[in-house]
């Protein structure tokens, strides 16, 4: 993921939708402290305030996404 994509994310808006990014962004999981975002075919971890990007293409120990009710 490039810095351009990170800079284009509006952290004050829901991340469930792509906001004109070159790569679709969806929330994969959220444990209250961190969000795991699926971008392309990778999953990236962010603190919920948008800082502390974990720049590994495939993040380990990703929590299971919630089961839709």
PDB file of N, CA and C in Angstrom:
ATOM      1  N   UNK A   1       0.852  -1.168   0.000  1.00  0.00           N
ATOM      2  CA  UNK A   1       0.000   0.000   0.000  1.00  0.00           C
ATOM      3  C   UNK A   1       0.892   1.224   0.000  1.00  0.00           C
ATOM      4  N   UNK A   2       0.509   2.181  -0.790  1.00  0.00           N
ATOM      5  CA  UNK A   2       1.331   3.380  -0.866  1.00  0.00           C
ATOM      6  C   UNK A   2       0.838   4.415   0.134  1.00  0.00           C
ATOM      7  N   UNK A   3       1.710   5.363   0.439  1.00  0.00           N
ATOM      8  CA  UNK A   3       1.349   6.450   1.351  1.00  0.00           C
ATOM      9  C   UNK A   3       0.191   7.260   0.785  1.00  0.00           C
ATOM     10  N   UNK A   4       0.081   7.336  -0.555  1.00  0.00           N
ATOM     11  CA  UNK A   4      -1.016   8.087  -1.164  1.00  0.00           C
ATOM     12  C   UNK A   4      -2.360   7.514  -0.743  1.00  0.00           C
ATOM     13  N   UNK A   5      -2.471   6.187  -0.754  1.00  0.00           N
ATOM     14  CA  UNK A   5      -3.732   5.553  -0.377  1.00  0.00           C
ATOM     15  C   UNK A   5      -4.033   5.835   1.084  1.00  0.00           C
ATOM     16  N   UNK A   6      -3.029   5.713   1.946  1.00  0.00           N
ATOM     17  CA  UNK A   6      -3.233   5.974   3.369  1.00  0.00           C
ATOM     18  C   UNK A   6      -3.694   7.410   3.567  1.00  0.00           C
ATOM     19  N   UNK A   7      -3.085   8.343   2.860  1.00  0.00           N
ATOM     20  CA  UNK A   7      -3.438   9.753   3.005  1.00  0.00           C
ATOM     21  C   UNK A   7      -4.851  10.048   2.525  1.00  0.00           C
ATOM     22  N   UNK A   8      -5.369   9.239   1.590  1.00  0.00           N
ATOM     23  CA  UNK A   8      -6.698   9.491   1.046  1.00  0.00           C
ATOM     24  C   UNK A   8      -7.806   8.939   1.928  1.00  0.00           C
ATOM     25  N   UNK A   9      -7.489   8.126   2.925  1.00  0.00           N
ATOM     26  CA  UNK A   9      -8.521   7.567   3.790  1.00  0.00           C
ATOM     27  C   UNK A   9      -9.023   8.653   4.729  1.00  0.00           C
ATOM     28  N   UNK A  10     -10.320   8.835   4.741  1.00  0.00           N
ATOM     29  CA  UNK A  10     -10.930   9.803   5.653  1.00  0.00           C
ATOM     30  C   UNK A  10     -11.286   9.065   6.936  1.00  0.00           C
ATOM     31  N   UNK A  11     -10.446   9.232   7.966  1.00  0.00           N
ATOM     32  CA  UNK A  11     -10.609   8.464   9.200  1.00  0.00           C
ATOM     33  C   UNK A  11     -11.826   8.909   9.999  1.00  0.00           C
ATOM     34  N   UNK A  12     -12.436  10.037   9.640  1.00  0.00           N
ATOM     35  CA  UNK A  12     -13.624  10.505  10.352  1.00  0.00           C
ATOM     36  C   UNK A  12     -14.908   9.937   9.758  1.00  0.00           C
ATOM     37  N   UNK A  13     -14.795   9.252   8.639  1.00  0.00           N
ATOM     38  CA  UNK A  13     -15.951   8.665   7.968  1.00  0.00           C
ATOM     39  C   UNK A  13     -15.879   7.142   8.082  1.00  0.00           C
ATOM     40  N   UNK A  14     -17.013   6.462   7.919  1.00  0.00           N
ATOM     41  CA  UNK A  14     -16.974   4.995   7.940  1.00  0.00           C
ATOM     42  C   UNK A  14     -16.038   4.470   6.858  1.00  0.00           C
ATOM     43  N   UNK A  15     -15.318   3.412   7.195  1.00  0.00           N
ATOM     44  CA  UNK A  15     -14.345   2.862   6.250  1.00  0.00           C
ATOM     45  C   UNK A  15     -14.920   1.704   5.447  1.00  0.00           C
ATOM     46  N   UNK A  16     -16.214   1.419   5.616  1.00  0.00           N
ATOM     47  CA  UNK A  16     -16.805   0.274   4.942  1.00  0.00           C
ATOM     48  C   UNK A  16     -16.928   0.485   3.443  1.00  0.00           C
ATOM     49  N   UNK A  17     -16.767   1.706   2.995  1.00  0.00           N
ATOM     50  CA  UNK A  17     -16.925   1.976   1.576  1.00  0.00           C
ATOM     51  C   UNK A  17     -15.624   2.544   1.030  1.00  0.00           C
ATOM     52  N   UNK A  18     -15.387   2.275  -0.228  1.00  0.00           N
ATOM     53  CA  UNK A  18     -14.226   2.855  -0.893  1.00  0.00           C
ATOM     54  C   UNK A  18     -14.522   4.331  -1.134  1.00  0.00           C
ATOM     55  N   UNK A  19     -13.588   5.184  -0.789  1.00  0.00           N
ATOM     56  CA  UNK A  19     -13.801   6.622  -0.944  1.00  0.00           C
ATOM     57  C   UNK A  19     -12.982   7.149  -2.121  1.00  0.00           C
ATOM     58  N   UNK A  20     -13.228   6.596  -3.297  1.00  0.00           N
ATOM     59  CA  UNK A  20     -12.509   7.044  -4.467  1.00  0.00           C
ATOM     60  C   UNK A  20     -11.080   6.547  -4.507  1.00  0.00           C
ATOM     61  N   UNK A  21     -10.767   5.539  -3.690  1.00  0.00           N
ATOM     62  CA  UNK A  21      -9.414   5.004  -3.675  1.00  0.00           C
ATOM     63  C   UNK A  21      -9.209   4.096  -4.878  1.00  0.00           C
ATOM     64  N   UNK A  22      -7.961   3.889  -5.238  1.00  0.00           N
ATOM     65  CA  UNK A  22      -7.650   2.994  -6.343  1.00  0.00           C
ATOM     66  C   UNK A  22      -7.894   1.547  -5.949  1.00  0.00           C
ATOM     67  N   UNK A  23      -7.895   1.274  -4.650  1.00  0.00           N
ATOM     68  CA  UNK A  23      -8.111  -0.078  -4.143  1.00  0.00           C
ATOM     69  C   UNK A  23      -9.346  -0.042  -3.258  1.00  0.00           C
ATOM     70  N   UNK A  24     -10.325  -0.936  -3.467  1.00  0.00           N
ATOM     71  CA  UNK A  24     -11.482  -0.958  -2.577  1.00  0.00           C
ATOM     72  C   UNK A  24     -11.058  -1.254  -1.141  1.00  0.00           C
ATOM     73  N   UNK A  25     -11.664  -0.549  -0.184  1.00  0.00           N
ATOM     74  CA  UNK A  25     -11.336  -0.722   1.230  1.00  0.00           C
ATOM     75  C   UNK A  25     -12.591  -1.178   1.961  1.00  0.00           C
ATOM     76  N   UNK A  26     -12.491  -2.275   2.697  1.00  0.00           N
ATOM     77  CA  UNK A  26     -13.591  -2.720   3.536  1.00  0.00           C
ATOM     78  C   UNK A  26     -13.037  -3.077   4.903  1.00  0.00           C
ATOM     79  N   UNK A  27     -13.864  -2.932   5.925  1.00  0.00           N
ATOM     80  CA  UNK A  27     -13.453  -3.322   7.267  1.00  0.00           C
ATOM     81  C   UNK A  27     -13.597  -4.832   7.380  1.00  0.00           C
ATOM     82  N   UNK A  28     -12.491  -5.495   7.692  1.00  0.00           N
ATOM     83  CA  UNK A  28     -12.498  -6.949   7.856  1.00  0.00           C
ATOM     84  C   UNK A  28     -12.860  -7.308   9.287  1.00  0.00           C
ATOM     85  N   UNK A  29     -12.307  -6.588  10.253  1.00  0.00           N
ATOM     86  CA  UNK A  29     -12.594  -6.831  11.667  1.00  0.00           C
ATOM     87  C   UNK A  29     -12.242  -5.577  12.448  1.00  0.00           C
ATOM     88  N   UNK A  30     -12.834  -5.436  13.634  1.00  0.00           N
ATOM     89  CA  UNK A  30     -12.576  -4.284  14.499  1.00  0.00           C
ATOM     90  C   UNK A  30     -12.718  -4.761  15.934  1.00  0.00           C
ATOM     91  N   UNK A  31     -11.613  -4.692  16.701  1.00  0.00           N
ATOM     92  CA  UNK A  31     -11.671  -5.168  18.089  1.00  0.00           C
ATOM     93  C   UNK A  31     -11.825  -4.021  19.079  1.00  0.00           C
ATOM     94  N   UNK A  32     -12.109  -2.812  18.585  1.00  0.00           N
ATOM     95  CA  UNK A  32     -12.265  -1.659  19.462  1.00  0.00           C
ATOM     96  C   UNK A  32     -11.007  -0.815  19.549  1.00  0.00           C
ATOM     97  N   UNK A  33      -9.847  -1.447  19.456  1.00  0.00           N
ATOM     98  CA  UNK A  33      -8.581  -0.719  19.470  1.00  0.00           C
ATOM     99  C   UNK A  33      -7.997  -0.590  18.075  1.00  0.00           C
ATOM    100  N   UNK A  34      -8.190  -1.612  17.267  1.00  0.00           N
ATOM    101  CA  UNK A  34      -7.612  -1.647  15.927  1.00  0.00           C
ATOM    102  C   UNK A  34      -8.663  -2.082  14.924  1.00  0.00           C
ATOM    103  N   UNK A  35      -8.456  -1.630  13.695  1.00  0.00           N
ATOM    104  CA  UNK A  35      -9.256  -2.098  12.573  1.00  0.00           C
ATOM    105  C   UNK A  35      -8.345  -2.872  11.639  1.00  0.00           C
ATOM    106  N   UNK A  36      -8.853  -3.938  11.095  1.00  0.00           N
ATOM    107  CA  UNK A  36      -8.171  -4.667  10.038  1.00  0.00           C
ATOM    108  C   UNK A  36      -8.946  -4.377   8.767  1.00  0.00           C
ATOM    109  N   UNK A  37      -8.270  -3.732   7.812  1.00  0.00           N
ATOM    110  CA  UNK A  37      -8.915  -3.336   6.572  1.00  0.00           C
ATOM    111  C   UNK A  37      -8.445  -4.228   5.443  1.00  0.00           C
ATOM    112  N   UNK A  38      -9.389  -4.713   4.658  1.00  0.00           N
ATOM    113  CA  UNK A  38      -9.049  -5.480   3.465  1.00  0.00           C
ATOM    114  C   UNK A  38      -8.886  -4.488   2.324  1.00  0.00           C
ATOM    115  N   UNK A  39      -7.692  -4.485   1.738  1.00  0.00           N
ATOM    116  CA  UNK A  39      -7.396  -3.623   0.599  1.00  0.00           C
ATOM    117  C   UNK A  39      -6.792  -4.510  -0.471  1.00  0.00           C
ATOM    118  N   UNK A  40      -7.502  -4.634  -1.582  1.00  0.00           N
ATOM    119  CA  UNK A  40      -7.022  -5.550  -2.603  1.00  0.00           C
ATOM    120  C   UNK A  40      -7.078  -6.971  -2.065  1.00  0.00           C
ATOM    121  N   UNK A  41      -5.982  -7.714  -2.186  1.00  0.00           N
ATOM    122  CA  UNK A  41      -5.982  -9.089  -1.676  1.00  0.00           C
ATOM    123  C   UNK A  41      -5.204  -9.206  -0.377  1.00  0.00           C
ATOM    124  N   UNK A  42      -4.936  -8.086   0.294  1.00  0.00           N
ATOM    125  CA  UNK A  42      -4.238  -8.107   1.578  1.00  0.00           C
ATOM    126  C   UNK A  42      -5.104  -7.526   2.679  1.00  0.00           C
ATOM    127  N   UNK A  43      -4.686  -7.759   3.916  1.00  0.00           N
ATOM    128  CA  UNK A  43      -5.364  -7.184   5.074  1.00  0.00           C
ATOM    129  C   UNK A  43      -4.339  -6.354   5.829  1.00  0.00           C
ATOM    130  N   UNK A  44      -4.703  -5.123   6.161  1.00  0.00           N
ATOM    131  CA  UNK A  44      -3.810  -4.185   6.831  1.00  0.00           C
ATOM    132  C   UNK A  44      -4.389  -3.811   8.172  1.00  0.00           C
ATOM    133  N   UNK A  45      -3.532  -3.587   9.167  1.00  0.00           N
ATOM    134  CA  UNK A  45      -3.993  -3.251  10.503  1.00  0.00           C
ATOM    135  C   UNK A  45      -3.722  -1.780  10.789  1.00  0.00           C
ATOM    136  N   UNK A  46      -4.703  -1.088  11.367  1.00  0.00           N
ATOM    137  CA  UNK A  46      -4.588   0.309  11.750  1.00  0.00           C
ATOM    138  C   UNK A  46      -5.101   0.466  13.169  1.00  0.00           C
ATOM    139  N   UNK A  47      -4.508   1.397  13.923  1.00  0.00           N
ATOM    140  CA  UNK A  47      -5.151   1.826  15.159  1.00  0.00           C
ATOM    141  C   UNK A  47      -6.430   2.555  14.765  1.00  0.00           C
ATOM    142  N   UNK A  48      -7.413   2.576  15.652  1.00  0.00           N
ATOM    143  CA  UNK A  48      -8.686   3.197  15.296  1.00  0.00           C
ATOM    144  C   UNK A  48      -8.593   4.699  15.084  1.00  0.00           C
ATOM    145  N   UNK A  49      -7.508   5.335  15.532  1.00  0.00           N
ATOM    146  CA  UNK A  49      -7.358   6.765  15.252  1.00  0.00           C
ATOM    147  C   UNK A  49      -6.610   7.010  13.945  1.00  0.00           C
ATOM    148  N   UNK A  50      -6.299   5.942  13.204  1.00  0.00           N
ATOM    149  CA  UNK A  50      -5.660   6.084  11.905  1.00  0.00           C
ATOM    150  C   UNK A  50      -4.152   6.079  11.949  1.00  0.00           C
ATOM    151  N   UNK A  51      -3.554   5.902  13.136  1.00  0.00           N
ATOM    152  CA  UNK A  51      -2.100   5.883  13.246  1.00  0.00           C
ATOM    153  C   UNK A  51      -1.605   4.449  13.375  1.00  0.00           C
ATOM    154  N   UNK A  52      -0.309   4.300  13.366  1.00  0.00           N
ATOM    155  CA  UNK A  52       0.306   3.000  13.634  1.00  0.00           C
ATOM    156  C   UNK A  52       0.012   1.964  12.582  1.00  0.00           C
ATOM    157  N   UNK A  53       0.197   2.311  11.330  1.00  0.00           N
ATOM    158  CA  UNK A  53      -0.069   1.374  10.248  1.00  0.00           C
ATOM    159  C   UNK A  53       0.904   0.209  10.327  1.00  0.00           C
ATOM    160  N   UNK A  54       0.364  -0.993  10.273  1.00  0.00           N
ATOM    161  CA  UNK A  54       1.193  -2.195  10.196  1.00  0.00           C
ATOM    162  C   UNK A  54       1.323  -2.536   8.724  1.00  0.00           C
ATOM    163  N   UNK A  55       2.486  -2.254   8.152  1.00  0.00           N
ATOM    164  CA  UNK A  55       2.667  -2.350   6.707  1.00  0.00           C
ATOM    165  C   UNK A  55       3.102  -3.741   6.265  1.00  0.00           C
ATOM    166  N   UNK A  56       2.440  -4.759   6.768  1.00  0.00           N
ATOM    167  CA  UNK A  56       2.678  -6.111   6.272  1.00  0.00           C
ATOM    168  C   UNK A  56       1.529  -6.459   5.343  1.00  0.00           C
ATOM    169  N   UNK A  57       1.869  -7.083   4.230  1.00  0.00           N
ATOM    170  CA  UNK A  57       0.834  -7.372   3.248  1.00  0.00           C
ATOM    171  C   UNK A  57      -0.221  -8.292   3.836  1.00  0.00           C
ATOM    172  N   UNK A  58       0.205  -9.318   4.559  1.00  0.00           N
ATOM    173  CA  UNK A  58      -0.751 -10.200   5.219  1.00  0.00           C
ATOM    174  C   UNK A  58      -0.472 -10.152   6.710  1.00  0.00           C
ATOM    175  N   UNK A  59      -1.354  -9.534   7.472  1.00  0.00           N
ATOM    176  CA  UNK A  59      -1.190  -9.395   8.907  1.00  0.00           C
ATOM    177  C   UNK A  59      -1.561 -10.716   9.566  1.00  0.00           C
ATOM    178  N   UNK A  60      -0.726 -11.154  10.516  1.00  0.00           N
ATOM    179  CA  UNK A  60      -1.021 -12.386  11.241  1.00  0.00           C
ATOM    180  C   UNK A  60      -1.939 -12.089  12.423  1.00  0.00           C
ATOM    181  N   UNK A  61      -2.556 -13.133  12.940  1.00  0.00           N
ATOM    182  CA  UNK A  61      -3.428 -13.031  14.118  1.00  0.00           C
ATOM    183  C   UNK A  61      -4.596 -12.073  13.894  1.00  0.00           C
ATOM    184  N   UNK A  62      -5.185 -12.147  12.719  1.00  0.00           N
ATOM    185  CA  UNK A  62      -6.345 -11.318  12.418  1.00  0.00           C
ATOM    186  C   UNK A  62      -7.556 -11.941  13.110  1.00  0.00           C
ATOM    187  N   UNK A  63      -8.316 -11.163  13.868  1.00  0.00           N
ATOM    188  CA  UNK A  63      -9.511 -11.744  14.484  1.00  0.00           C
ATOM    189  C   UNK A  63     -10.538 -12.119  13.425  1.00  0.00           C
ATOM    190  N   UNK A  64     -11.391 -13.059  13.749  1.00  0.00           N
ATOM    191  CA  UNK A  64     -12.443 -13.450  12.818  1.00  0.00           C
ATOM    192  C   UNK A  64     -13.429 -12.304  12.668  1.00  0.00           C
ATOM    193  N   UNK A  65     -13.895 -12.075  11.450  1.00  0.00           N
ATOM    194  CA  UNK A  65     -14.890 -11.021  11.281  1.00  0.00           C
ATOM    195  C   UNK A  65     -16.193 -11.425  11.957  1.00  0.00           C
ATOM    196  N   UNK A  66     -16.997 -10.447  12.366  1.00  0.00           N
ATOM    197  CA  UNK A  66     -18.259 -10.785  13.021  1.00  0.00           C
ATOM    198  C   UNK A  66     -19.194 -11.523  12.077  1.00  0.00           C
ATOM    199  N   UNK A  67     -19.983 -12.415  12.642  1.00  0.00           N
ATOM    200  CA  UNK A  67     -20.950 -13.167  11.846  1.00  0.00           C
ATOM    201  C   UNK A  67     -22.203 -12.314  11.707  1.00  0.00           C
ATOM    202  N   UNK A  68     -22.651 -12.091  10.462  1.00  0.00           N
ATOM    203  CA  UNK A  68     -23.862 -11.271  10.291  1.00  0.00           C
ATOM    204  C   UNK A  68     -25.055 -11.926  10.976  1.00  0.00           C
ATOM    205  N   UNK A  69     -25.903 -11.115  11.608  1.00  0.00           N
ATOM    206  CA  UNK A  69     -27.069 -11.679  12.296  1.00  0.00           C
ATOM    207  C   UNK A  69     -28.302 -11.636  11.415  1.00  0.00           C
TER     208      UNK A  69
END
